[in-house]
Amino acid sequence: YLRGHVARLSEDSKTRLEKNPLRILDSKDEGDQEVIKGAP
């Protein structure tokens, strides 16, 4: 799911996508939070 929205992710979350994608769900970045709303 996140790979389909990678352009909207923060730089921190782009790094986490490769190393620890579950941490993106903890992100406080407003852009990340919008993406997370549609996550499975």
PDB file of all heavy atoms in Angstrom:
ATOM      1  N   TYR A   1       0.830  -1.208   0.000  1.00  0.00           N
ATOM      2  CA  TYR A   1       0.000   0.000   0.000  1.00  0.00           C
ATOM      3  C   TYR A   1       0.867   1.263   0.000  1.00  0.00           C
ATOM      4  O   TYR A   1       0.628   2.190  -0.793  1.00  0.00           O
ATOM      5  CB  TYR A   1      -0.915   0.004   1.230  1.00  0.00           C
ATOM      6  CG  TYR A   1      -1.584   1.329   1.469  1.00  0.00           C
ATOM      7  CD1 TYR A   1      -2.697   1.721   0.721  1.00  0.00           C
ATOM      8  CD2 TYR A   1      -1.089   2.215   2.432  1.00  0.00           C
ATOM      9  CE1 TYR A   1      -3.303   2.959   0.922  1.00  0.00           C
ATOM     10  CE2 TYR A   1      -1.682   3.447   2.642  1.00  0.00           C
ATOM     11  CZ  TYR A   1      -2.787   3.816   1.884  1.00  0.00           C
ATOM     12  OH  TYR A   1      -3.375   5.037   2.076  1.00  0.00           O
ATOM     13  N   LEU A   2       1.863   1.318   0.874  1.00  0.00           N
ATOM     14  CA  LEU A   2       2.673   2.523   1.013  1.00  0.00           C
ATOM     15  C   LEU A   2       3.507   2.809  -0.231  1.00  0.00           C
ATOM     16  O   LEU A   2       3.753   3.981  -0.559  1.00  0.00           O
ATOM     17  CB  LEU A   2       3.583   2.403   2.243  1.00  0.00           C
ATOM     18  CG  LEU A   2       2.868   2.408   3.601  1.00  0.00           C
ATOM     19  CD1 LEU A   2       3.864   2.135   4.725  1.00  0.00           C
ATOM     20  CD2 LEU A   2       2.153   3.734   3.839  1.00  0.00           C
ATOM     21  N   ARG A   3       3.944   1.781  -0.924  1.00  0.00           N
ATOM     22  CA  ARG A   3       4.728   2.002  -2.150  1.00  0.00           C
ATOM     23  C   ARG A   3       3.899   2.745  -3.197  1.00  0.00           C
ATOM     24  O   ARG A   3       4.444   3.473  -4.030  1.00  0.00           O
ATOM     25  CB  ARG A   3       5.233   0.676  -2.708  1.00  0.00           C
ATOM     26  CG  ARG A   3       6.340   0.054  -1.874  1.00  0.00           C
ATOM     27  CD  ARG A   3       7.093  -1.014  -2.635  1.00  0.00           C
ATOM     28  NE  ARG A   3       8.019  -1.747  -1.783  1.00  0.00           N
ATOM     29  CZ  ARG A   3       9.197  -1.274  -1.374  1.00  0.00           C
ATOM     30  NH1 ARG A   3       9.582  -0.072  -1.757  1.00  0.00           N
ATOM     31  NH2 ARG A   3       9.977  -1.998  -0.593  1.00  0.00           N
ATOM     32  N   GLY A   4       2.593   2.589  -3.127  1.00  0.00           N
ATOM     33  CA  GLY A   4       1.735   3.307  -4.057  1.00  0.00           C
ATOM     34  C   GLY A   4       1.545   4.769  -3.689  1.00  0.00           C
ATOM     35  O   GLY A   4       0.950   5.537  -4.460  1.00  0.00           O
ATOM     36  N   HIS A   5       2.038   5.162  -2.486  1.00  0.00           N
ATOM     37  CA  HIS A   5       1.878   6.545  -2.023  1.00  0.00           C
ATOM     38  C   HIS A   5       3.215   7.127  -1.568  1.00  0.00           C
ATOM     39  O   HIS A   5       3.235   8.099  -0.806  1.00  0.00           O
ATOM     40  CB  HIS A   5       0.883   6.600  -0.869  1.00  0.00           C
ATOM     41  CG  HIS A   5      -0.477   6.070  -1.213  1.00  0.00           C
ATOM     42  ND1 HIS A   5      -1.476   6.842  -1.759  1.00  0.00           N
ATOM     43  CD2 HIS A   5      -0.994   4.811  -1.103  1.00  0.00           C
ATOM     44  CE1 HIS A   5      -2.553   6.110  -1.960  1.00  0.00           C
ATOM     45  NE2 HIS A   5      -2.294   4.872  -1.571  1.00  0.00           N
ATOM     46  N   VAL A   6       4.307   6.542  -2.033  1.00  0.00           N
ATOM     47  CA  VAL A   6       5.622   6.908  -1.509  1.00  0.00           C
ATOM     48  C   VAL A   6       5.945   8.384  -1.727  1.00  0.00           C
ATOM     49  O   VAL A   6       6.628   9.018  -0.894  1.00  0.00           O
ATOM     50  CB  VAL A   6       6.713   6.005  -2.137  1.00  0.00           C
ATOM     51  CG1 VAL A   6       6.860   6.286  -3.637  1.00  0.00           C
ATOM     52  CG2 VAL A   6       8.028   6.178  -1.412  1.00  0.00           C
ATOM     53  N   ALA A   7       5.449   8.976  -2.795  1.00  0.00           N
ATOM     54  CA  ALA A   7       5.752  10.381  -3.071  1.00  0.00           C
ATOM     55  C   ALA A   7       5.164  11.305  -2.011  1.00  0.00           C
ATOM     56  O   ALA A   7       5.651  12.423  -1.818  1.00  0.00           O
ATOM     57  CB  ALA A   7       5.229  10.755  -4.454  1.00  0.00           C
ATOM     58  N   ARG A   8       4.135  10.862  -1.308  1.00  0.00           N
ATOM     59  CA  ARG A   8       3.469  11.699  -0.305  1.00  0.00           C
ATOM     60  C   ARG A   8       4.045  11.510   1.092  1.00  0.00           C
ATOM     61  O   ARG A   8       3.654  12.216   2.031  1.00  0.00           O
ATOM     62  CB  ARG A   8       1.973  11.392  -0.289  1.00  0.00           C
ATOM     63  CG  ARG A   8       1.267  11.701  -1.614  1.00  0.00           C
ATOM     64  CD  ARG A   8      -0.129  11.082  -1.629  1.00  0.00           C
ATOM     65  NE  ARG A   8      -0.949  11.529  -0.508  1.00  0.00           N
ATOM     66  CZ  ARG A   8      -2.076  10.924  -0.134  1.00  0.00           C
ATOM     67  NH1 ARG A   8      -2.502   9.842  -0.811  1.00  0.00           N
ATOM     68  NH2 ARG A   8      -2.765  11.377   0.893  1.00  0.00           N
ATOM     69  N   LEU A   9       4.958  10.559   1.231  1.00  0.00           N
ATOM     70  CA  LEU A   9       5.529  10.270   2.541  1.00  0.00           C
ATOM     71  C   LEU A   9       6.647  11.245   2.884  1.00  0.00           C
ATOM     72  O   LEU A   9       7.334  11.769   2.005  1.00  0.00           O
ATOM     73  CB  LEU A   9       6.079   8.841   2.585  1.00  0.00           C
ATOM     74  CG  LEU A   9       5.070   7.697   2.472  1.00  0.00           C
ATOM     75  CD1 LEU A   9       5.806   6.354   2.426  1.00  0.00           C
ATOM     76  CD2 LEU A   9       4.079   7.729   3.627  1.00  0.00           C
ATOM     77  N   SER A  10       6.837  11.479   4.180  1.00  0.00           N
ATOM     78  CA  SER A  10       7.956  12.295   4.642  1.00  0.00           C
ATOM     79  C   SER A  10       9.267  11.561   4.381  1.00  0.00           C
ATOM     80  O   SER A  10       9.286  10.348   4.131  1.00  0.00           O
ATOM     81  CB  SER A  10       7.808  12.581   6.136  1.00  0.00           C
ATOM     82  OG  SER A  10       7.935  11.373   6.880  1.00  0.00           O
ATOM     83  N   GLU A  11      10.359  12.299   4.444  1.00  0.00           N
ATOM     84  CA  GLU A  11      11.665  11.677   4.212  1.00  0.00           C
ATOM     85  C   GLU A  11      11.947  10.597   5.259  1.00  0.00           C
ATOM     86  O   GLU A  11      12.507   9.548   4.946  1.00  0.00           O
ATOM     87  CB  GLU A  11      12.768  12.741   4.230  1.00  0.00           C
ATOM     88  CG  GLU A  11      12.725  13.693   3.047  1.00  0.00           C
ATOM     89  CD  GLU A  11      12.806  12.951   1.704  1.00  0.00           C
ATOM     90  OE1 GLU A  11      13.657  12.055   1.565  1.00  0.00           O
ATOM     91  OE2 GLU A  11      11.994  13.269   0.811  1.00  0.00           O
ATOM     92  N   ASP A  12      11.564  10.869   6.516  1.00  0.00           N
ATOM     93  CA  ASP A  12      11.762   9.861   7.564  1.00  0.00           C
ATOM     94  C   ASP A  12      10.996   8.583   7.233  1.00  0.00           C
ATOM     95  O   ASP A  12      11.512   7.471   7.400  1.00  0.00           O
ATOM     96  CB  ASP A  12      11.298  10.400   8.920  1.00  0.00           C
ATOM     97  CG  ASP A  12      12.295  11.375   9.521  1.00  0.00           C
ATOM     98  OD1 ASP A  12      13.448  11.399   9.065  1.00  0.00           O
ATOM     99  OD2 ASP A  12      11.911  12.113  10.454  1.00  0.00           O
ATOM    100  N   SER A  13       9.765   8.726   6.765  1.00  0.00           N
ATOM    101  CA  SER A  13       8.947   7.549   6.473  1.00  0.00           C
ATOM    102  C   SER A  13       9.437   6.813   5.238  1.00  0.00           C
ATOM    103  O   SER A  13       9.309   5.592   5.145  1.00  0.00           O
ATOM    104  CB  SER A  13       7.474   7.950   6.316  1.00  0.00           C
ATOM    105  OG  SER A  13       6.932   8.292   7.574  1.00  0.00           O
ATOM    106  N   LYS A  14      10.026   7.529   4.291  1.00  0.00           N
ATOM    107  CA  LYS A  14      10.614   6.850   3.134  1.00  0.00           C
ATOM    108  C   LYS A  14      11.757   5.953   3.579  1.00  0.00           C
ATOM    109  O   LYS A  14      11.930   4.842   3.061  1.00  0.00           O
ATOM    110  CB  LYS A  14      11.103   7.881   2.114  1.00  0.00           C
ATOM    111  CG  LYS A  14       9.977   8.605   1.377  1.00  0.00           C
ATOM    112  CD  LYS A  14      10.535   9.691   0.455  1.00  0.00           C
ATOM    113  CE  LYS A  14       9.394  10.438  -0.237  1.00  0.00           C
ATOM    114  NZ  LYS A  14       9.889  11.556  -1.079  1.00  0.00           N
ATOM    115  N   THR A  15      12.533   6.430   4.543  1.00  0.00           N
ATOM    116  CA  THR A  15      13.617   5.599   5.091  1.00  0.00           C
ATOM    117  C   THR A  15      13.049   4.399   5.839  1.00  0.00           C
ATOM    118  O   THR A  15      13.532   3.268   5.702  1.00  0.00           O
ATOM    119  CB  THR A  15      14.495   6.435   6.042  1.00  0.00           C
ATOM    120  OG1 THR A  15      15.054   7.531   5.320  1.00  0.00           O
ATOM    121  CG2 THR A  15      15.615   5.594   6.633  1.00  0.00           C
ATOM    122  N   ARG A  16      12.002   4.637   6.623  1.00  0.00           N
ATOM    123  CA  ARG A  16      11.398   3.555   7.392  1.00  0.00           C
ATOM    124  C   ARG A  16      10.739   2.520   6.500  1.00  0.00           C
ATOM    125  O   ARG A  16      10.644   1.343   6.871  1.00  0.00           O
ATOM    126  CB  ARG A  16      10.368   4.137   8.372  1.00  0.00           C
ATOM    127  CG  ARG A  16      10.991   4.936   9.498  1.00  0.00           C
ATOM    128  CD  ARG A  16       9.965   5.725  10.264  1.00  0.00           C
ATOM    129  NE  ARG A  16      10.577   6.509  11.338  1.00  0.00           N
ATOM    130  CZ  ARG A  16      10.002   7.519  11.957  1.00  0.00           C
ATOM    131  NH1 ARG A  16       8.780   7.903  11.592  1.00  0.00           N
ATOM    132  NH2 ARG A  16      10.620   8.172  12.912  1.00  0.00           N
ATOM    133  N   LEU A  17      10.277   2.936   5.343  1.00  0.00           N
ATOM    134  CA  LEU A  17       9.625   1.998   4.427  1.00  0.00           C
ATOM    135  C   LEU A  17      10.561   0.866   4.052  1.00  0.00           C
ATOM    136  O   LEU A  17      10.128  -0.280   3.868  1.00  0.00           O
ATOM    137  CB  LEU A  17       9.157   2.745   3.177  1.00  0.00           C
ATOM    138  CG  LEU A  17       8.396   1.934   2.120  1.00  0.00           C
ATOM    139  CD1 LEU A  17       7.145   1.299   2.726  1.00  0.00           C
ATOM    140  CD2 LEU A  17       8.033   2.809   0.933  1.00  0.00           C
ATOM    141  N   GLU A  18      11.844   1.157   3.982  1.00  0.00           N
ATOM    142  CA  GLU A  18      12.826   0.129   3.628  1.00  0.00           C
ATOM    143  C   GLU A  18      13.291  -0.660   4.844  1.00  0.00           C
ATOM    144  O   GLU A  18      13.579  -1.845   4.751  1.00  0.00           O
ATOM    145  CB  GLU A  18      14.040   0.782   2.945  1.00  0.00           C
ATOM    146  CG  GLU A  18      13.693   1.586   1.704  1.00  0.00           C
ATOM    147  CD  GLU A  18      13.013   0.735   0.634  1.00  0.00           C
ATOM    148  OE1 GLU A  18      13.354  -0.449   0.495  1.00  0.00           O
ATOM    149  OE2 GLU A  18      12.122   1.266  -0.056  1.00  0.00           O
ATOM    150  N   LYS A  19      13.346   0.012   6.006  1.00  0.00           N
ATOM    151  CA  LYS A  19      13.938  -0.633   7.178  1.00  0.00           C
ATOM    152  C   LYS A  19      12.904  -1.167   8.169  1.00  0.00           C
ATOM    153  O   LYS A  19      13.098  -2.237   8.752  1.00  0.00           O
ATOM    154  CB  LYS A  19      14.859   0.357   7.908  1.00  0.00           C
ATOM    155  CG  LYS A  19      16.087   0.749   7.103  1.00  0.00           C
ATOM    156  CD  LYS A  19      17.008   1.633   7.930  1.00  0.00           C
ATOM    157  CE  LYS A  19      18.286   1.963   7.191  1.00  0.00           C
ATOM    158  NZ  LYS A  19      19.216   2.786   8.018  1.00  0.00           N
ATOM    159  N   ASN A  20      11.861  -0.395   8.406  1.00  0.00           N
ATOM    160  CA  ASN A  20      10.885  -0.786   9.431  1.00  0.00           C
ATOM    161  C   ASN A  20       9.552  -0.119   9.120  1.00  0.00           C
ATOM    162  O   ASN A  20       9.185   0.877   9.753  1.00  0.00           O
ATOM    163  CB  ASN A  20      11.386  -0.376  10.817  1.00  0.00           C
ATOM    164  CG  ASN A  20      10.646  -1.093  11.930  1.00  0.00           C
ATOM    165  OD1 ASN A  20       9.545  -1.589  11.728  1.00  0.00           O
ATOM    166  ND2 ASN A  20      11.241  -1.134  13.104  1.00  0.00           N
ATOM    167  N   PRO A  21       8.792  -0.653   8.163  1.00  0.00           N
ATOM    168  CA  PRO A  21       7.585   0.027   7.692  1.00  0.00           C
ATOM    169  C   PRO A  21       6.513   0.229   8.758  1.00  0.00           C
ATOM    170  O   PRO A  21       5.744   1.182   8.687  1.00  0.00           O
ATOM    171  CB  PRO A  21       7.080  -0.886   6.564  1.00  0.00           C
ATOM    172  CG  PRO A  21       7.722  -2.211   6.826  1.00  0.00           C
ATOM    173  CD  PRO A  21       9.048  -1.897   7.428  1.00  0.00           C
ATOM    174  N   LEU A  22       6.450  -0.637   9.773  1.00  0.00           N
ATOM    175  CA  LEU A  22       5.425  -0.473  10.799  1.00  0.00           C
ATOM    176  C   LEU A  22       5.592   0.834  11.572  1.00  0.00           C
ATOM    177  O   LEU A  22       4.624   1.381  12.102  1.00  0.00           O
ATOM    178  CB  LEU A  22       5.448  -1.653  11.771  1.00  0.00           C
ATOM    179  CG  LEU A  22       5.008  -3.011  11.226  1.00  0.00           C
ATOM    180  CD1 LEU A  22       5.002  -4.050  12.332  1.00  0.00           C
ATOM    181  CD2 LEU A  22       3.644  -2.924  10.574  1.00  0.00           C
ATOM    182  N   ARG A  23       6.814   1.353  11.620  1.00  0.00           N
ATOM    183  CA  ARG A  23       7.045   2.596  12.342  1.00  0.00           C
ATOM    184  C   ARG A  23       6.351   3.776  11.674  1.00  0.00           C
ATOM    185  O   ARG A  23       6.096   4.802  12.305  1.00  0.00           O
ATOM    186  CB  ARG A  23       8.544   2.884  12.461  1.00  0.00           C
ATOM    187  CG  ARG A  23       9.291   1.930  13.373  1.00  0.00           C
ATOM    188  CD  ARG A  23      10.444   2.637  14.031  1.00  0.00           C
ATOM    189  NE  ARG A  23       9.968   3.588  15.023  1.00  0.00           N
ATOM    190  CZ  ARG A  23       9.850   3.336  16.311  1.00  0.00           C
ATOM    191  NH1 ARG A  23      10.132   2.141  16.764  1.00  0.00           N
ATOM    192  NH2 ARG A  23       9.434   4.257  17.150  1.00  0.00           N
ATOM    193  N   ILE A  24       6.059   3.651  10.397  1.00  0.00           N
ATOM    194  CA  ILE A  24       5.375   4.738   9.702  1.00  0.00           C
ATOM    195  C   ILE A  24       4.003   4.989  10.331  1.00  0.00           C
ATOM    196  O   ILE A  24       3.507   6.115  10.360  1.00  0.00           O
ATOM    197  CB  ILE A  24       5.247   4.413   8.195  1.00  0.00           C
ATOM    198  CG1 ILE A  24       6.647   4.308   7.575  1.00  0.00           C
ATOM    199  CG2 ILE A  24       4.426   5.466   7.460  1.00  0.00           C
ATOM    200  CD1 ILE A  24       6.646   3.862   6.120  1.00  0.00           C
ATOM    201  N   LEU A  25       3.402   3.934  10.871  1.00  0.00           N
ATOM    202  CA  LEU A  25       2.093   4.090  11.502  1.00  0.00           C
ATOM    203  C   LEU A  25       2.167   4.949  12.751  1.00  0.00           C
ATOM    204  O   LEU A  25       1.154   5.474  13.221  1.00  0.00           O
ATOM    205  CB  LEU A  25       1.516   2.714  11.848  1.00  0.00           C
ATOM    206  CG  LEU A  25       1.315   1.758  10.656  1.00  0.00           C
ATOM    207  CD1 LEU A  25       0.826   0.400  11.146  1.00  0.00           C
ATOM    208  CD2 LEU A  25       0.342   2.340   9.648  1.00  0.00           C
ATOM    209  N   ASP A  26       3.371   5.111  13.323  1.00  0.00           N
ATOM    210  CA  ASP A  26       3.568   5.965  14.502  1.00  0.00           C
ATOM    211  C   ASP A  26       3.858   7.413  14.129  1.00  0.00           C
ATOM    212  O   ASP A  26       3.956   8.270  15.005  1.00  0.00           O
ATOM    213  CB  ASP A  26       4.752   5.446  15.335  1.00  0.00           C
ATOM    214  CG  ASP A  26       4.442   4.126  16.023  1.00  0.00           C
ATOM    215  OD1 ASP A  26       3.270   3.919  16.366  1.00  0.00           O
ATOM    216  OD2 ASP A  26       5.371   3.332  16.213  1.00  0.00           O
ATOM    217  N   SER A  27       4.017   7.703  12.847  1.00  0.00           N
ATOM    218  CA  SER A  27       4.459   9.028  12.415  1.00  0.00           C
ATOM    219  C   SER A  27       3.472  10.116  12.834  1.00  0.00           C
ATOM    220  O   SER A  27       2.252   9.947  12.741  1.00  0.00           O
ATOM    221  CB  SER A  27       4.641   9.054  10.896  1.00  0.00           C
ATOM    222  OG  SER A  27       4.946  10.367  10.452  1.00  0.00           O
ATOM    223  N   LYS A  28       4.030  11.254  13.258  1.00  0.00           N
ATOM    224  CA  LYS A  28       3.208  12.416  13.609  1.00  0.00           C
ATOM    225  C   LYS A  28       3.153  13.434  12.473  1.00  0.00           C
ATOM    226  O   LYS A  28       2.481  14.455  12.585  1.00  0.00           O
ATOM    227  CB  LYS A  28       3.768  13.079  14.880  1.00  0.00           C
ATOM    228  CG  LYS A  28       3.820  12.146  16.092  1.00  0.00           C
ATOM    229  CD  LYS A  28       2.438  11.656  16.468  1.00  0.00           C
ATOM    230  CE  LYS A  28       2.468  10.840  17.752  1.00  0.00           C
ATOM    231  NZ  LYS A  28       3.106   9.516  17.559  1.00  0.00           N
ATOM    232  N   ASP A  29       3.872  13.155  11.380  1.00  0.00           N
ATOM    233  CA  ASP A  29       3.851  14.047  10.234  1.00  0.00           C
ATOM    234  C   ASP A  29       2.446  14.090   9.626  1.00  0.00           C
ATOM    235  O   ASP A  29       1.819  13.040   9.399  1.00  0.00           O
ATOM    236  CB  ASP A  29       4.870  13.562   9.182  1.00  0.00           C
ATOM    237  CG  ASP A  29       4.908  14.450   7.956  1.00  0.00           C
ATOM    238  OD1 ASP A  29       5.671  15.424   7.956  1.00  0.00           O
ATOM    239  OD2 ASP A  29       4.158  14.152   6.993  1.00  0.00           O
ATOM    240  N   GLU A  30       1.939  15.290   9.365  1.00  0.00           N
ATOM    241  CA  GLU A  30       0.565  15.425   8.887  1.00  0.00           C
ATOM    242  C   GLU A  30       0.361  14.748   7.536  1.00  0.00           C
ATOM    243  O   GLU A  30      -0.674  14.126   7.289  1.00  0.00           O
ATOM    244  CB  GLU A  30       0.188  16.911   8.789  1.00  0.00           C
ATOM    245  CG  GLU A  30       0.060  17.588  10.155  1.00  0.00           C
ATOM    246  CD  GLU A  30      -0.380  19.029  10.033  1.00  0.00           C
ATOM    247  OE1 GLU A  30      -0.635  19.478   8.893  1.00  0.00           O
ATOM    248  OE2 GLU A  30      -0.479  19.702  11.082  1.00  0.00           O
ATOM    249  N   GLY A  31       1.357  14.858   6.646  1.00  0.00           N
ATOM    250  CA  GLY A  31       1.253  14.191   5.349  1.00  0.00           C
ATOM    251  C   GLY A  31       1.212  12.685   5.493  1.00  0.00           C
ATOM    252  O   GLY A  31       0.413  12.000   4.825  1.00  0.00           O
ATOM    253  N   ASP A  32       2.057  12.165   6.381  1.00  0.00           N
ATOM    254  CA  ASP A  32       2.056  10.719   6.638  1.00  0.00           C
ATOM    255  C   ASP A  32       0.717  10.268   7.196  1.00  0.00           C
ATOM    256  O   ASP A  32       0.189   9.211   6.832  1.00  0.00           O
ATOM    257  CB  ASP A  32       3.169  10.355   7.628  1.00  0.00           C
ATOM    258  CG  ASP A  32       4.565  10.495   7.031  1.00  0.00           C
ATOM    259  OD1 ASP A  32       4.675  10.554   5.790  1.00  0.00           O
ATOM    260  OD2 ASP A  32       5.529  10.539   7.808  1.00  0.00           O
ATOM    261  N   GLN A  33       0.162  11.071   8.099  1.00  0.00           N
ATOM    262  CA  GLN A  33      -1.102  10.698   8.719  1.00  0.00           C
ATOM    263  C   GLN A  33      -2.227  10.606   7.694  1.00  0.00           C
ATOM    264  O   GLN A  33      -3.106   9.744   7.802  1.00  0.00           O
ATOM    265  CB  GLN A  33      -1.457  11.699   9.820  1.00  0.00           C
ATOM    266  CG  GLN A  33      -0.545  11.613  11.041  1.00  0.00           C
ATOM    267  CD  GLN A  33      -0.890  12.622  12.106  1.00  0.00           C
ATOM    268  OE1 GLN A  33      -1.808  13.421  11.948  1.00  0.00           O
ATOM    269  NE2 GLN A  33      -0.157  12.609  13.212  1.00  0.00           N
ATOM    270  N   GLU A  34      -2.195  11.472   6.695  1.00  0.00           N
ATOM    271  CA  GLU A  34      -3.205  11.395   5.641  1.00  0.00           C
ATOM    272  C   GLU A  34      -3.074  10.101   4.855  1.00  0.00           C
ATOM    273  O   GLU A  34      -4.071   9.470   4.500  1.00  0.00           O
ATOM    274  CB  GLU A  34      -3.074  12.603   4.707  1.00  0.00           C
ATOM    275  CG  GLU A  34      -3.600  13.893   5.298  1.00  0.00           C
ATOM    276  CD  GLU A  34      -5.079  13.817   5.631  1.00  0.00           C
ATOM    277  OE1 GLU A  34      -5.865  13.317   4.794  1.00  0.00           O
ATOM    278  OE2 GLU A  34      -5.462  14.236   6.750  1.00  0.00           O
ATOM    279  N   VAL A  35      -1.830   9.718   4.564  1.00  0.00           N
ATOM    280  CA  VAL A  35      -1.594   8.459   3.845  1.00  0.00           C
ATOM    281  C   VAL A  35      -2.039   7.270   4.686  1.00  0.00           C
ATOM    282  O   VAL A  35      -2.693   6.338   4.204  1.00  0.00           O
ATOM    283  CB  VAL A  35      -0.097   8.319   3.465  1.00  0.00           C
ATOM    284  CG1 VAL A  35       0.180   6.931   2.865  1.00  0.00           C
ATOM    285  CG2 VAL A  35       0.317   9.409   2.487  1.00  0.00           C
ATOM    286  N   ILE A  36      -1.708   7.315   5.981  1.00  0.00           N
ATOM    287  CA  ILE A  36      -2.001   6.193   6.885  1.00  0.00           C
ATOM    288  C   ILE A  36      -3.499   5.945   6.998  1.00  0.00           C
ATOM    289  O   ILE A  36      -3.932   4.804   7.199  1.00  0.00           O
ATOM    290  CB  ILE A  36      -1.380   6.477   8.279  1.00  0.00           C
ATOM    291  CG1 ILE A  36       0.141   6.458   8.192  1.00  0.00           C
ATOM    292  CG2 ILE A  36      -1.854   5.462   9.311  1.00  0.00           C
ATOM    293  CD1 ILE A  36       0.821   7.027   9.423  1.00  0.00           C
ATOM    294  N   LYS A  37      -4.312   6.985   6.846  1.00  0.00           N
ATOM    295  CA  LYS A  37      -5.757   6.829   6.972  1.00  0.00           C
ATOM    296  C   LYS A  37      -6.303   5.755   6.024  1.00  0.00           C
ATOM    297  O   LYS A  37      -7.299   5.096   6.325  1.00  0.00           O
ATOM    298  CB  LYS A  37      -6.462   8.157   6.708  1.00  0.00           C
ATOM    299  CG  LYS A  37      -6.318   9.170   7.835  1.00  0.00           C
ATOM    300  CD  LYS A  37      -7.037  10.469   7.486  1.00  0.00           C
ATOM    301  CE  LYS A  37      -6.887  11.503   8.598  1.00  0.00           C
ATOM    302  NZ  LYS A  37      -7.548  12.795   8.237  1.00  0.00           N
ATOM    303  N   GLY A  38      -5.667   5.600   4.881  1.00  0.00           N
ATOM    304  CA  GLY A  38      -6.143   4.613   3.921  1.00  0.00           C
ATOM    305  C   GLY A  38      -5.427   3.280   3.983  1.00  0.00           C
ATOM    306  O   GLY A  38      -5.693   2.387   3.156  1.00  0.00           O
ATOM    307  N   ALA A  39      -4.516   3.132   4.959  1.00  0.00           N
ATOM    308  CA  ALA A  39      -3.734   1.897   5.062  1.00  0.00           C
ATOM    309  C   ALA A  39      -4.606   0.730   5.496  1.00  0.00           C
ATOM    310  O   ALA A  39      -5.625   0.913   6.183  1.00  0.00           O
ATOM    311  CB  ALA A  39      -2.592   2.087   6.059  1.00  0.00           C
ATOM    312  N   PRO A  40      -4.251  -0.499   5.104  1.00  0.00           N
ATOM    313  CA  PRO A  40      -5.010  -1.663   5.567  1.00  0.00           C
ATOM    314  C   PRO A  40      -4.949  -1.767   7.083  1.00  0.00           C
ATOM    315  O   PRO A  40      -3.977  -1.356   7.716  1.00  0.00           O
ATOM    316  CB  PRO A  40      -4.292  -2.841   4.889  1.00  0.00           C
ATOM    317  CG  PRO A  40      -2.941  -2.328   4.526  1.00  0.00           C
ATOM    318  CD  PRO A  40      -3.108  -0.874   4.246  1.00  0.00           C
TER     319      PRO A  40
END
